Amino acid sequence: MTTTIDGLARRLGELRAAELAVFEALGSWALDAASAPEDRVAFAACAHRAAWRAEQLAARAPVLSAIPPDAAVVLAGDDLGRAVAALPAVPTAERMNAARSIGGLLDAAYAAALAGVAPTDAPSRRLFHRLAHDITLTD
């Protein structure tokens, strides 16, 4: 359970870093003429949603002198962080599968974040629920 404000700030930063990396990778794939046109449209839509989720996470990030919001925006060393870091190297033929896989990892990350938030932190609970729902809608 994320019982401290520092822990929440770090988790929000990790998730925001992942969403920004997804936005960057899928946005570049959407512009790559080597991808099929229907895939490029899907990548653009998913990149847009990732940017929106990153913006939502930034708005919820607590302002702490010990951990400035931008200093907390680093990829975690978990499965999601490693998978997101590998996105730029994904071959063109495997991009759609990689995007689906990242969607599943993000869904699991938001479910875990929701489960880890204190019952008294209603704003964070609403945020993680909304972001998990957004992943489901774009899947």
Protein backbone atom coordinates (compact mmCIF):
# COMPACT_ATOMS: atom_id res chain seq x y z
CA MET A 1 0.00 0.00 0.00
CA THR A 2 1.24 3.48 -0.85
CA THR A 3 1.10 4.81 2.67
CA THR A 4 3.32 7.85 2.31
CA ILE A 5 3.06 10.94 0.20
CA ASP A 6 6.63 10.27 -0.98
CA GLY A 7 5.63 6.78 -2.15
CA LEU A 8 2.63 8.20 -4.01
CA ALA A 9 4.79 10.88 -5.65
CA ARG A 10 7.29 8.27 -6.81
CA ARG A 11 4.60 5.94 -8.21
CA LEU A 12 2.84 8.78 -10.01
CA GLY A 13 6.19 9.80 -11.49
CA GLU A 14 6.98 6.26 -12.63
CA LEU A 15 3.60 5.88 -14.30
CA ARG A 16 3.90 9.31 -15.91
CA ALA A 17 7.37 8.40 -17.26
CA ALA A 18 5.92 5.21 -18.75
CA GLU A 19 3.02 7.09 -20.38
CA LEU A 20 5.36 9.73 -21.82
CA ALA A 21 7.61 7.02 -23.25
CA VAL A 22 4.58 5.27 -24.77
CA PHE A 23 3.46 8.58 -26.26
CA GLU A 24 6.89 9.16 -27.79
CA ALA A 25 7.29 5.66 -29.22
CA LEU A 26 3.76 5.24 -30.58
CA GLY A 27 3.75 8.79 -31.89
CA SER A 28 6.89 8.08 -33.90
CA TRP A 29 5.39 4.80 -35.15
CA ALA A 30 2.31 6.71 -36.30
CA LEU A 31 4.55 8.83 -38.53
CA ASP A 32 6.55 5.91 -39.91
CA ALA A 33 5.51 5.12 -43.48
CA ALA A 34 6.82 1.57 -43.03
CA SER A 35 3.79 0.76 -40.85
CA ALA A 36 0.44 -0.16 -42.39
CA PRO A 37 -1.97 2.78 -42.63
CA GLU A 38 -4.51 1.21 -40.24
CA ASP A 39 -1.73 0.57 -37.71
CA ARG A 40 -0.55 4.16 -38.03
CA VAL A 41 -4.05 5.39 -37.17
CA ALA A 42 -4.19 3.08 -34.13
CA PHE A 43 -0.73 4.17 -32.97
CA ALA A 44 -1.72 7.84 -33.25
CA ALA A 45 -4.88 7.28 -31.20
CA CYS A 46 -3.01 5.31 -28.53
CA ALA A 47 -0.25 7.93 -28.39
CA HIS A 48 -2.87 10.63 -27.86
CA ARG A 49 -4.45 8.67 -25.00
CA ALA A 50 -1.03 8.09 -23.40
CA ALA A 51 -0.36 11.84 -23.47
CA TRP A 52 -3.74 12.48 -21.83
CA ARG A 53 -3.01 9.94 -19.09
CA ALA A 54 0.44 11.49 -18.49
CA GLU A 55 -1.24 14.88 -18.13
CA GLN A 56 -3.71 13.45 -15.60
CA LEU A 57 -0.84 11.97 -13.57
CA ALA A 58 1.05 15.27 -13.62
CA ALA A 59 -1.99 17.12 -12.30
CA ARG A 60 -2.25 14.72 -9.32
CA ALA A 61 1.47 14.70 -8.46
CA PRO A 62 2.07 16.16 -5.01
CA VAL A 63 4.46 19.09 -4.73
CA LEU A 64 7.19 18.09 -2.31
CA SER A 65 10.45 19.85 -1.59
CA ALA A 66 12.19 16.47 -1.18
CA ILE A 67 10.93 15.15 -4.53
CA PRO A 68 10.15 17.83 -7.13
CA PRO A 69 7.45 16.54 -9.53
CA ASP A 70 9.76 16.41 -12.56
CA ALA A 71 12.53 14.66 -10.59
CA ALA A 72 10.10 11.81 -9.85
CA VAL A 73 9.39 11.21 -13.55
CA VAL A 74 11.66 8.20 -14.08
CA LEU A 75 10.91 4.75 -15.41
CA ALA A 76 10.53 2.08 -12.76
CA GLY A 77 12.72 -1.00 -12.86
CA ASP A 78 9.65 -3.24 -13.16
CA ASP A 79 8.23 -5.13 -16.16
CA LEU A 80 6.41 -2.02 -17.39
CA GLY A 81 9.53 0.14 -17.19
CA ARG A 82 11.66 -2.40 -19.04
CA ALA A 83 9.02 -2.97 -21.74
CA VAL A 84 8.49 0.74 -22.30
CA ALA A 85 12.24 1.35 -22.52
CA ALA A 86 12.45 -1.33 -25.24
CA LEU A 87 9.69 0.17 -27.42
CA PRO A 88 11.95 2.26 -29.69
CA ALA A 89 13.79 -0.90 -30.81
CA VAL A 90 10.67 -2.91 -31.70
CA PRO A 91 10.75 -4.01 -35.37
CA THR A 92 7.97 -2.68 -37.58
CA ALA A 93 6.28 -6.07 -37.99
CA GLU A 94 6.01 -6.52 -34.21
CA ARG A 95 4.77 -3.04 -33.27
CA MET A 96 1.06 -3.84 -32.99
CA ASN A 97 1.75 -6.77 -30.67
CA ALA A 98 4.10 -4.60 -28.61
CA ALA A 99 1.43 -1.89 -28.31
CA ARG A 100 -1.11 -4.46 -27.10
CA SER A 101 1.41 -5.84 -24.63
CA ILE A 102 2.13 -2.37 -23.25
CA GLY A 103 -1.62 -1.82 -22.88
CA GLY A 104 -1.84 -4.95 -20.74
CA LEU A 105 1.11 -3.88 -18.61
CA LEU A 106 -0.35 -0.41 -18.10
CA ASP A 107 -3.70 -1.93 -17.15
CA ALA A 108 -2.00 -4.12 -14.56
CA ALA A 109 0.05 -1.17 -13.27
CA TYR A 110 -3.05 0.98 -12.75
CA ALA A 111 -4.89 -1.89 -11.07
CA ALA A 112 -1.94 -2.41 -8.71
CA ALA A 113 -1.69 1.33 -8.03
CA LEU A 114 -5.41 1.45 -7.25
CA ALA A 115 -5.12 -1.54 -4.92
CA GLY A 116 -2.16 0.10 -3.18
CA VAL A 117 -3.75 3.45 -2.43
CA ALA A 118 -5.07 4.07 1.06
CA PRO A 119 -8.88 3.97 1.27
CA THR A 120 -8.81 7.55 2.56
CA ASP A 121 -7.04 8.89 -0.56
CA ALA A 122 -10.17 9.31 -2.66
CA PRO A 123 -8.59 11.61 -5.29
CA SER A 124 -5.84 9.09 -6.11
CA ARG A 125 -8.34 6.22 -6.11
CA ARG A 126 -10.53 8.09 -8.61
CA LEU A 127 -7.50 8.90 -10.77
CA PHE A 128 -6.22 5.32 -10.97
CA HIS A 129 -9.72 4.00 -11.61
CA ARG A 130 -10.23 6.53 -14.44
CA LEU A 131 -6.84 5.74 -16.01
CA ALA A 132 -7.43 1.98 -15.81
CA HIS A 133 -10.80 2.52 -17.48
CA ASP A 134 -9.12 4.56 -20.22
CA ILE A 135 -6.70 1.70 -20.93
CA THR A 136 -9.68 -0.65 -21.25
CA LEU A 137 -11.40 1.71 -23.68
CA THR A 138 -8.35 1.98 -25.94
CA ASP A 139 -7.51 -1.72 -25.90
